[in-house]
Amino acid sequence: MNIYIGNLPGSITEDKIKTLFAAFGEIENVKLIKDRFSGRLRGFGFIEMPSNSEADQAIKALNGNRVEGNDIKVRPADPGGKRGKKRFSKKRGFR
């Protein structure tokens, strides 16, 4: 299962995330998202766990936990395409 981790502090590392989630089971992959230009962390990432039951336990246990001063958000990752499309409203008063 692919898991979204949000509200991460800028000082977090992939090793720290692995250590945090390793208590709940096997970890396949950790990906922290960085800014393309500055290389700094953008405050979120993804972790992949092969077992759905272990992933569910990790989500329930870690969501809202304080990590290096931030309350992290942990939830199943959106596989893409399930979120509604953004709608742009027409501005009125312009011709």
PDB file of N, CA and C in Angstrom:
ATOM      1  N   MET A   1       0.848  -1.174   0.000  1.00  0.00           N
ATOM      2  CA  MET A   1       0.000   0.000   0.000  1.00  0.00           C
ATOM      3  C   MET A   1       0.894   1.238   0.000  1.00  0.00           C
ATOM      4  N   ASN A   2       0.529   2.211  -0.774  1.00  0.00           N
ATOM      5  CA  ASN A   2       1.241   3.470  -0.836  1.00  0.00           C
ATOM      6  C   ASN A   2       0.618   4.422   0.179  1.00  0.00           C
ATOM      7  N   ILE A   3       1.457   5.033   1.020  1.00  0.00           N
ATOM      8  CA  ILE A   3       0.986   5.880   2.114  1.00  0.00           C
ATOM      9  C   ILE A   3       1.531   7.295   1.931  1.00  0.00           C
ATOM     10  N   TYR A   4       0.658   8.281   2.108  1.00  0.00           N
ATOM     11  CA  TYR A   4       1.036   9.694   2.069  1.00  0.00           C
ATOM     12  C   TYR A   4       1.431  10.126   3.481  1.00  0.00           C
ATOM     13  N   ILE A   5       2.517  10.879   3.587  1.00  0.00           N
ATOM     14  CA  ILE A   5       2.948  11.440   4.862  1.00  0.00           C
ATOM     15  C   ILE A   5       3.090  12.946   4.658  1.00  0.00           C
ATOM     16  N   GLY A   6       2.328  13.731   5.385  1.00  0.00           N
ATOM     17  CA  GLY A   6       2.346  15.173   5.215  1.00  0.00           C
ATOM     18  C   GLY A   6       2.753  15.909   6.475  1.00  0.00           C
ATOM     19  N   ASN A   7       2.998  17.203   6.321  1.00  0.00           N
ATOM     20  CA  ASN A   7       3.398  18.109   7.394  1.00  0.00           C
ATOM     21  C   ASN A   7       4.733  17.680   8.015  1.00  0.00           C
ATOM     22  N   LEU A   8       5.644  17.223   7.161  1.00  0.00           N
ATOM     23  CA  LEU A   8       6.955  16.783   7.628  1.00  0.00           C
ATOM     24  C   LEU A   8       7.869  17.982   7.857  1.00  0.00           C
ATOM     25  N   PRO A   9       8.723  17.913   8.891  1.00  0.00           N
ATOM     26  CA  PRO A   9       9.687  18.989   9.104  1.00  0.00           C
ATOM     27  C   PRO A   9      10.774  18.955   8.031  1.00  0.00           C
ATOM     28  N   GLY A  10      11.393  20.074   7.788  1.00  0.00           N
ATOM     29  CA  GLY A  10      12.417  20.172   6.760  1.00  0.00           C
ATOM     30  C   GLY A  10      13.686  19.401   7.063  1.00  0.00           C
ATOM     31  N   SER A  11      13.863  19.016   8.322  1.00  0.00           N
ATOM     32  CA  SER A  11      15.081  18.314   8.718  1.00  0.00           C
ATOM     33  C   SER A  11      14.952  16.793   8.670  1.00  0.00           C
ATOM     34  N   ILE A  12      13.796  16.284   8.298  1.00  0.00           N
ATOM     35  CA  ILE A  12      13.558  14.834   8.307  1.00  0.00           C
ATOM     36  C   ILE A  12      14.351  14.159   7.180  1.00  0.00           C
ATOM     37  N   THR A  13      14.740  12.914   7.397  1.00  0.00           N
ATOM     38  CA  THR A  13      15.462  12.146   6.384  1.00  0.00           C
ATOM     39  C   THR A  13      14.697  10.860   6.089  1.00  0.00           C
ATOM     40  N   GLU A  14      15.044  10.231   4.969  1.00  0.00           N
ATOM     41  CA  GLU A  14      14.406   8.965   4.619  1.00  0.00           C
ATOM     42  C   GLU A  14      14.678   7.905   5.683  1.00  0.00           C
ATOM     43  N   ASP A  15      15.864   7.918   6.268  1.00  0.00           N
ATOM     44  CA  ASP A  15      16.196   6.948   7.313  1.00  0.00           C
ATOM     45  C   ASP A  15      15.314   7.128   8.541  1.00  0.00           C
ATOM     46  N   LYS A  16      15.011   8.357   8.910  1.00  0.00           N
ATOM     47  CA  LYS A  16      14.146   8.602  10.063  1.00  0.00           C
ATOM     48  C   LYS A  16      12.727   8.110   9.785  1.00  0.00           C
ATOM     49  N   ILE A  17      12.258   8.302   8.556  1.00  0.00           N
ATOM     50  CA  ILE A  17      10.924   7.816   8.191  1.00  0.00           C
ATOM     51  C   ILE A  17      10.904   6.288   8.233  1.00  0.00           C
ATOM     52  N   LYS A  18      11.945   5.652   7.694  1.00  0.00           N
ATOM     53  CA  LYS A  18      12.029   4.187   7.725  1.00  0.00           C
ATOM     54  C   LYS A  18      11.999   3.674   9.156  1.00  0.00           C
ATOM     55  N   THR A  19      12.748   4.311  10.046  1.00  0.00           N
ATOM     56  CA  THR A  19      12.774   3.911  11.448  1.00  0.00           C
ATOM     57  C   THR A  19      11.401   4.052  12.087  1.00  0.00           C
ATOM     58  N   LEU A  20      10.712   5.123  11.769  1.00  0.00           N
ATOM     59  CA  LEU A  20       9.385   5.391  12.316  1.00  0.00           C
ATOM     60  C   LEU A  20       8.383   4.313  11.896  1.00  0.00           C
ATOM     61  N   PHE A  21       8.423   3.913  10.619  1.00  0.00           N
ATOM     62  CA  PHE A  21       7.459   2.954  10.086  1.00  0.00           C
ATOM     63  C   PHE A  21       7.901   1.496  10.262  1.00  0.00           C
ATOM     64  N   ALA A  22       9.177   1.255  10.510  1.00  0.00           N
ATOM     65  CA  ALA A  22       9.688  -0.117  10.614  1.00  0.00           C
ATOM     66  C   ALA A  22       9.054  -0.889  11.767  1.00  0.00           C
ATOM     67  N   ALA A  23       8.563  -0.204  12.770  1.00  0.00           N
ATOM     68  CA  ALA A  23       7.919  -0.871  13.903  1.00  0.00           C
ATOM     69  C   ALA A  23       6.626  -1.572  13.495  1.00  0.00           C
ATOM     70  N   PHE A  24       6.097  -1.217  12.325  1.00  0.00           N
ATOM     71  CA  PHE A  24       4.811  -1.771  11.894  1.00  0.00           C
ATOM     72  C   PHE A  24       4.942  -2.817  10.801  1.00  0.00           C
ATOM     73  N   GLY A  25       6.127  -2.968  10.223  1.00  0.00           N
ATOM     74  CA  GLY A  25       6.301  -3.991   9.203  1.00  0.00           C
ATOM     75  C   GLY A  25       7.345  -3.620   8.166  1.00  0.00           C
ATOM     76  N   GLU A  26       7.344  -4.400   7.093  1.00  0.00           N
ATOM     77  CA  GLU A  26       8.319  -4.247   6.016  1.00  0.00           C
ATOM     78  C   GLU A  26       8.050  -2.977   5.206  1.00  0.00           C
ATOM     79  N   ILE A  27       9.130  -2.330   4.794  1.00  0.00           N
ATOM     80  CA  ILE A  27       9.051  -1.115   3.985  1.00  0.00           C
ATOM     81  C   ILE A  27       9.720  -1.379   2.651  1.00  0.00           C
ATOM     82  N   GLU A  28       9.018  -1.087   1.563  1.00  0.00           N
ATOM     83  CA  GLU A  28       9.594  -1.275   0.228  1.00  0.00           C
ATOM     84  C   GLU A  28      10.336  -0.040  -0.257  1.00  0.00           C
ATOM     85  N   ASN A  29       9.744   1.139  -0.027  1.00  0.00           N
ATOM     86  CA  ASN A  29      10.283   2.341  -0.641  1.00  0.00           C
ATOM     87  C   ASN A  29       9.866   3.562   0.168  1.00  0.00           C
ATOM     88  N   VAL A  30      10.768   4.544   0.246  1.00  0.00           N
ATOM     89  CA  VAL A  30      10.468   5.839   0.865  1.00  0.00           C
ATOM     90  C   VAL A  30      10.852   6.920  -0.130  1.00  0.00           C
ATOM     91  N   LYS A  31       9.965   7.878  -0.345  1.00  0.00           N
ATOM     92  CA  LYS A  31      10.235   8.970  -1.287  1.00  0.00           C
ATOM     93  C   LYS A  31       9.804  10.284  -0.642  1.00  0.00           C
ATOM     94  N   LEU A  32      10.779  11.122  -0.301  1.00  0.00           N
ATOM     95  CA  LEU A  32      10.483  12.457   0.205  1.00  0.00           C
ATOM     96  C   LEU A  32      10.549  13.425  -0.967  1.00  0.00           C
ATOM     97  N   ILE A  33       9.545  14.254  -1.112  1.00  0.00           N
ATOM     98  CA  ILE A  33       9.434  15.151  -2.252  1.00  0.00           C
ATOM     99  C   ILE A  33      10.224  16.431  -1.974  1.00  0.00           C
ATOM    100  N   LYS A  34      11.091  16.769  -2.932  1.00  0.00           N
ATOM    101  CA  LYS A  34      11.936  17.955  -2.804  1.00  0.00           C
ATOM    102  C   LYS A  34      11.581  18.971  -3.879  1.00  0.00           C
ATOM    103  N   ASP A  35      11.854  20.227  -3.575  1.00  0.00           N
ATOM    104  CA  ASP A  35      11.666  21.303  -4.537  1.00  0.00           C
ATOM    105  C   ASP A  35      12.667  21.133  -5.677  1.00  0.00           C
ATOM    106  N   ARG A  36      12.205  21.281  -6.877  1.00  0.00           N
ATOM    107  CA  ARG A  36      13.034  21.066  -8.056  1.00  0.00           C
ATOM    108  C   ARG A  36      14.210  22.041  -8.138  1.00  0.00           C
ATOM    109  N   PHE A  37      14.001  23.267  -7.713  1.00  0.00           N
ATOM    110  CA  PHE A  37      15.032  24.282  -7.876  1.00  0.00           C
ATOM    111  C   PHE A  37      15.948  24.409  -6.662  1.00  0.00           C
ATOM    112  N   SER A  38      15.373  24.430  -5.463  1.00  0.00           N
ATOM    113  CA  SER A  38      16.189  24.634  -4.264  1.00  0.00           C
ATOM    114  C   SER A  38      16.708  23.322  -3.674  1.00  0.00           C
ATOM    115  N   GLY A  39      16.031  22.220  -3.963  1.00  0.00           N
ATOM    116  CA  GLY A  39      16.435  20.932  -3.399  1.00  0.00           C
ATOM    117  C   GLY A  39      15.963  20.718  -1.974  1.00  0.00           C
ATOM    118  N   ARG A  40      15.231  21.678  -1.420  1.00  0.00           N
ATOM    119  CA  ARG A  40      14.712  21.552  -0.057  1.00  0.00           C
ATOM    120  C   ARG A  40      13.450  20.700  -0.046  1.00  0.00           C
ATOM    121  N   LEU A  41      13.221  20.043   1.089  1.00  0.00           N
ATOM    122  CA  LEU A  41      12.016  19.220   1.231  1.00  0.00           C
ATOM    123  C   LEU A  41      10.771  20.094   1.166  1.00  0.00           C
ATOM    124  N   ARG A  42       9.724  19.546   0.542  1.00  0.00           N
ATOM    125  CA  ARG A  42       8.471  20.294   0.399  1.00  0.00           C
ATOM    126  C   ARG A  42       7.486  19.983   1.519  1.00  0.00           C
ATOM    127  N   GLY A  43       7.865  19.107   2.452  1.00  0.00           N
ATOM    128  CA  GLY A  43       7.021  18.855   3.614  1.00  0.00           C
ATOM    129  C   GLY A  43       6.120  17.642   3.488  1.00  0.00           C
ATOM    130  N   PHE A  44       6.303  16.846   2.431  1.00  0.00           N
ATOM    131  CA  PHE A  44       5.512  15.629   2.322  1.00  0.00           C
ATOM    132  C   PHE A  44       6.296  14.563   1.576  1.00  0.00           C
ATOM    133  N   GLY A  45       5.786  13.343   1.662  1.00  0.00           N
ATOM    134  CA  GLY A  45       6.443  12.233   0.986  1.00  0.00           C
ATOM    135  C   GLY A  45       5.536  11.020   0.954  1.00  0.00           C
ATOM    136  N   PHE A  46       6.086   9.914   0.491  1.00  0.00           N
ATOM    137  CA  PHE A  46       5.331   8.678   0.348  1.00  0.00           C
ATOM    138  C   PHE A  46       6.174   7.513   0.836  1.00  0.00           C
ATOM    139  N   ILE A  47       5.504   6.521   1.386  1.00  0.00           N
ATOM    140  CA  ILE A  47       6.163   5.299   1.806  1.00  0.00           C
ATOM    141  C   ILE A  47       5.329   4.131   1.307  1.00  0.00           C
ATOM    142  N   GLU A  48       5.991   3.095   0.844  1.00  0.00           N
ATOM    143  CA  GLU A  48       5.294   1.932   0.315  1.00  0.00           C
ATOM    144  C   GLU A  48       5.532   0.744   1.236  1.00  0.00           C
ATOM    145  N   MET A  49       4.425   0.115   1.653  1.00  0.00           N
ATOM    146  CA  MET A  49       4.491  -1.086   2.490  1.00  0.00           C
ATOM    147  C   MET A  49       3.735  -2.188   1.759  1.00  0.00           C
ATOM    148  N   PRO A  50       4.337  -3.380   1.609  1.00  0.00           N
ATOM    149  CA  PRO A  50       3.693  -4.451   0.837  1.00  0.00           C
ATOM    150  C   PRO A  50       2.440  -5.028   1.501  1.00  0.00           C
ATOM    151  N   SER A  51       2.378  -5.006   2.824  1.00  0.00           N
ATOM    152  CA  SER A  51       1.234  -5.582   3.532  1.00  0.00           C
ATOM    153  C   SER A  51       0.213  -4.496   3.864  1.00  0.00           C
ATOM    154  N   ASN A  52      -1.006  -4.672   3.371  1.00  0.00           N
ATOM    155  CA  ASN A  52      -2.058  -3.688   3.646  1.00  0.00           C
ATOM    156  C   ASN A  52      -2.414  -3.624   5.126  1.00  0.00           C
ATOM    157  N   SER A  53      -2.413  -4.761   5.812  1.00  0.00           N
ATOM    158  CA  SER A  53      -2.771  -4.759   7.234  1.00  0.00           C
ATOM    159  C   SER A  53      -1.709  -4.025   8.057  1.00  0.00           C
ATOM    160  N   GLU A  54      -0.433  -4.225   7.729  1.00  0.00           N
ATOM    161  CA  GLU A  54       0.632  -3.500   8.420  1.00  0.00           C
ATOM    162  C   GLU A  54       0.561  -2.012   8.114  1.00  0.00           C
ATOM    163  N   ALA A  55       0.251  -1.669   6.871  1.00  0.00           N
ATOM    164  CA  ALA A  55       0.119  -0.266   6.482  1.00  0.00           C
ATOM    165  C   ALA A  55      -1.036   0.389   7.231  1.00  0.00           C
ATOM    166  N   ASP A  56      -2.160  -0.303   7.352  1.00  0.00           N
ATOM    167  CA  ASP A  56      -3.303   0.241   8.089  1.00  0.00           C
ATOM    168  C   ASP A  56      -2.954   0.488   9.555  1.00  0.00           C
ATOM    169  N   GLN A  57      -2.206  -0.429  10.145  1.00  0.00           N
ATOM    170  CA  GLN A  57      -1.776  -0.249  11.541  1.00  0.00           C
ATOM    171  C   GLN A  57      -0.884   0.977  11.671  1.00  0.00           C
ATOM    172  N   ALA A  58       0.038   1.146  10.730  1.00  0.00           N
ATOM    173  CA  ALA A  58       0.940   2.299  10.762  1.00  0.00           C
ATOM    174  C   ALA A  58       0.169   3.602  10.617  1.00  0.00           C
ATOM    175  N   ILE A  59      -0.802   3.622   9.717  1.00  0.00           N
ATOM    176  CA  ILE A  59      -1.609   4.830   9.497  1.00  0.00           C
ATOM    177  C   ILE A  59      -2.348   5.205  10.771  1.00  0.00           C
ATOM    178  N   LYS A  60      -3.011   4.230  11.388  1.00  0.00           N
ATOM    179  CA  LYS A  60      -3.784   4.490  12.611  1.00  0.00           C
ATOM    180  C   LYS A  60      -2.890   4.945  13.755  1.00  0.00           C
ATOM    181  N   ALA A  61      -1.719   4.341  13.871  1.00  0.00           N
ATOM    182  CA  ALA A  61      -0.833   4.646  14.994  1.00  0.00           C
ATOM    183  C   ALA A  61      -0.073   5.961  14.824  1.00  0.00           C
ATOM    184  N   LEU A  62       0.298   6.304  13.599  1.00  0.00           N
ATOM    185  CA  LEU A  62       1.185   7.450  13.383  1.00  0.00           C
ATOM    186  C   LEU A  62       0.478   8.747  13.000  1.00  0.00           C
ATOM    187  N   ASN A  63      -0.753   8.676  12.511  1.00  0.00           N
ATOM    188  CA  ASN A  63      -1.457   9.894  12.104  1.00  0.00           C
ATOM    189  C   ASN A  63      -1.637  10.818  13.308  1.00  0.00           C
ATOM    190  N   GLY A  64      -1.151  12.040  13.188  1.00  0.00           N
ATOM    191  CA  GLY A  64      -1.272  13.025  14.263  1.00  0.00           C
ATOM    192  C   GLY A  64      -0.120  13.000  15.254  1.00  0.00           C
ATOM    193  N   ASN A  65       0.821  12.065  15.115  1.00  0.00           N
ATOM    194  CA  ASN A  65       1.976  12.013  16.012  1.00  0.00           C
ATOM    195  C   ASN A  65       2.897  13.201  15.770  1.00  0.00           C
ATOM    196  N   ARG A  66       3.591  13.602  16.827  1.00  0.00           N
ATOM    197  CA  ARG A  66       4.543  14.705  16.729  1.00  0.00           C
ATOM    198  C   ARG A  66       5.906  14.141  16.345  1.00  0.00           C
ATOM    199  N   VAL A  67       6.446  14.654  15.244  1.00  0.00           N
ATOM    200  CA  VAL A  67       7.765  14.260  14.762  1.00  0.00           C
ATOM    201  C   VAL A  67       8.579  15.529  14.565  1.00  0.00           C
ATOM    202  N   GLU A  68       9.635  15.667  15.358  1.00  0.00           N
ATOM    203  CA  GLU A  68      10.516  16.838  15.302  1.00  0.00           C
ATOM    204  C   GLU A  68       9.744  18.151  15.324  1.00  0.00           C
ATOM    205  N   GLY A  69       8.721  18.206  16.170  1.00  0.00           N
ATOM    206  CA  GLY A  69       7.970  19.442  16.358  1.00  0.00           C
ATOM    207  C   GLY A  69       6.736  19.614  15.486  1.00  0.00           C
ATOM    208  N   ASN A  70       6.503  18.720  14.528  1.00  0.00           N
ATOM    209  CA  ASN A  70       5.333  18.819  13.651  1.00  0.00           C
ATOM    210  C   ASN A  70       4.396  17.639  13.879  1.00  0.00           C
ATOM    211  N   ASP A  71       3.098  17.901  13.872  1.00  0.00           N
ATOM    212  CA  ASP A  71       2.101  16.829  13.911  1.00  0.00           C
ATOM    213  C   ASP A  71       1.924  16.327  12.488  1.00  0.00           C
ATOM    214  N   ILE A  72       2.400  15.120  12.211  1.00  0.00           N
ATOM    215  CA  ILE A  72       2.369  14.606  10.845  1.00  0.00           C
ATOM    216  C   ILE A  72       0.992  14.069  10.489  1.00  0.00           C
ATOM    217  N   LYS A  73       0.714  14.069   9.203  1.00  0.00           N
ATOM    218  CA  LYS A  73      -0.530  13.507   8.667  1.00  0.00           C
ATOM    219  C   LYS A  73      -0.158  12.254   7.895  1.00  0.00           C
ATOM    220  N   VAL A  74      -0.805  11.148   8.216  1.00  0.00           N
ATOM    221  CA  VAL A  74      -0.520   9.871   7.572  1.00  0.00           C
ATOM    222  C   VAL A  74      -1.847   9.294   7.094  1.00  0.00           C
ATOM    223  N   ARG A  75      -1.928   9.002   5.791  1.00  0.00           N
ATOM    224  CA  ARG A  75      -3.158   8.437   5.227  1.00  0.00           C
ATOM    225  C   ARG A  75      -2.819   7.674   3.944  1.00  0.00           C
ATOM    226  N   PRO A  76      -3.733   6.823   3.487  1.00  0.00           N
ATOM    227  CA  PRO A  76      -3.481   6.140   2.206  1.00  0.00           C
ATOM    228  C   PRO A  76      -3.304   7.164   1.093  1.00  0.00           C
ATOM    229  N   ALA A  77      -2.358   6.920   0.223  1.00  0.00           N
ATOM    230  CA  ALA A  77      -2.096   7.850  -0.881  1.00  0.00           C
ATOM    231  C   ALA A  77      -3.188   7.735  -1.931  1.00  0.00           C
ATOM    232  N   ASP A  78      -3.529   8.867  -2.528  1.00  0.00           N
ATOM    233  CA  ASP A  78      -4.489   8.898  -3.623  1.00  0.00           C
ATOM    234  C   ASP A  78      -3.804   8.307  -4.856  1.00  0.00           C
ATOM    235  N   PRO A  79      -4.341   7.218  -5.411  1.00  0.00           N
ATOM    236  CA  PRO A  79      -3.667   6.584  -6.552  1.00  0.00           C
ATOM    237  C   PRO A  79      -3.718   7.406  -7.831  1.00  0.00           C
ATOM    238  N   GLY A  80      -4.353   8.522  -7.813  1.00  0.00           N
ATOM    239  CA  GLY A  80      -4.411   9.385  -8.993  1.00  0.00           C
ATOM    240  C   GLY A  80      -5.728   9.240  -9.711  1.00  0.00           C
ATOM    241  N   GLY A  81      -6.288  10.340 -10.090  1.00  0.00           N
ATOM    242  CA  GLY A  81      -7.525  10.325 -10.852  1.00  0.00           C
ATOM    243  C   GLY A  81      -8.778  10.231 -10.012  1.00  0.00           C
ATOM    244  N   LYS A  82      -8.654   9.989  -8.727  1.00  0.00           N
ATOM    245  CA  LYS A  82      -9.849   9.880  -7.902  1.00  0.00           C
ATOM    246  C   LYS A  82     -10.310  11.219  -7.361  1.00  0.00           C
ATOM    247  N   ARG A  83      -9.401  12.154  -7.274  1.00  0.00           N
ATOM    248  CA  ARG A  83      -9.786  13.480  -6.809  1.00  0.00           C
ATOM    249  C   ARG A  83     -10.567  14.182  -7.896  1.00  0.00           C
ATOM    250  N   GLY A  84     -11.492  15.008  -7.489  1.00  0.00           N
ATOM    251  CA  GLY A  84     -12.269  15.766  -8.463  1.00  0.00           C
ATOM    252  C   GLY A  84     -11.390  16.777  -9.188  1.00  0.00           C
ATOM    253  N   LYS A  85     -11.744  17.053 -10.402  1.00  0.00           N
ATOM    254  CA  LYS A  85     -10.978  18.017 -11.174  1.00  0.00           C
ATOM    255  C   LYS A  85     -11.281  19.418 -10.675  1.00  0.00           C
ATOM    256  N   LYS A  86     -10.273  20.277 -10.750  1.00  0.00           N
ATOM    257  CA  LYS A  86     -10.473  21.659 -10.337  1.00  0.00           C
ATOM    258  C   LYS A  86     -11.365  22.352 -11.341  1.00  0.00           C
ATOM    259  N   ARG A  87     -12.268  23.105 -10.824  1.00  0.00           N
ATOM    260  CA  ARG A  87     -13.173  23.854 -11.697  1.00  0.00           C
ATOM    261  C   ARG A  87     -12.794  25.318 -11.640  1.00  0.00           C
ATOM    262  N   PHE A  88     -12.697  25.897 -12.779  1.00  0.00           N
ATOM    263  CA  PHE A  88     -12.372  27.317 -12.854  1.00  0.00           C
ATOM    264  C   PHE A  88     -13.652  28.071 -13.166  1.00  0.00           C
ATOM    265  N   SER A  89     -13.940  29.047 -12.316  1.00  0.00           N
ATOM    266  CA  SER A  89     -15.143  29.837 -12.542  1.00  0.00           C
ATOM    267  C   SER A  89     -14.831  30.978 -13.498  1.00  0.00           C
ATOM    268  N   LYS A  90     -15.810  31.332 -14.263  1.00  0.00           N
ATOM    269  CA  LYS A  90     -15.644  32.462 -15.184  1.00  0.00           C
ATOM    270  C   LYS A  90     -15.769  33.738 -14.377  1.00  0.00           C
ATOM    271  N   LYS A  91     -14.841  34.636 -14.600  1.00  0.00           N
ATOM    272  CA  LYS A  91     -14.887  35.904 -13.892  1.00  0.00           C
ATOM    273  C   LYS A  91     -15.954  36.782 -14.542  1.00  0.00           C
ATOM    274  N   ARG A  92     -16.776  37.309 -13.719  1.00  0.00           N
ATOM    275  CA  ARG A  92     -17.863  38.153 -14.232  1.00  0.00           C
ATOM    276  C   ARG A  92     -17.415  39.597 -14.272  1.00  0.00           C
ATOM    277  N   GLY A  93     -17.965  40.316 -15.171  1.00  0.00           N
ATOM    278  CA  GLY A  93     -17.660  41.729 -15.296  1.00  0.00           C
ATOM    279  C   GLY A  93     -16.571  42.030 -16.300  1.00  0.00           C
ATOM    280  N   PHE A  94     -15.988  41.019 -16.884  1.00  0.00           N
ATOM    281  CA  PHE A  94     -14.957  41.229 -17.901  1.00  0.00           C
ATOM    282  C   PHE A  94     -15.546  40.927 -19.256  1.00  0.00           C
ATOM    283  N   ARG A  95     -15.192  41.691 -20.234  1.00  0.00           N
ATOM    284  CA  ARG A  95     -15.704  41.469 -21.583  1.00  0.00           C
ATOM    285  C   ARG A  95     -14.588  41.240 -22.528  1.00  0.00           C
TER     286      ARG A  95
END
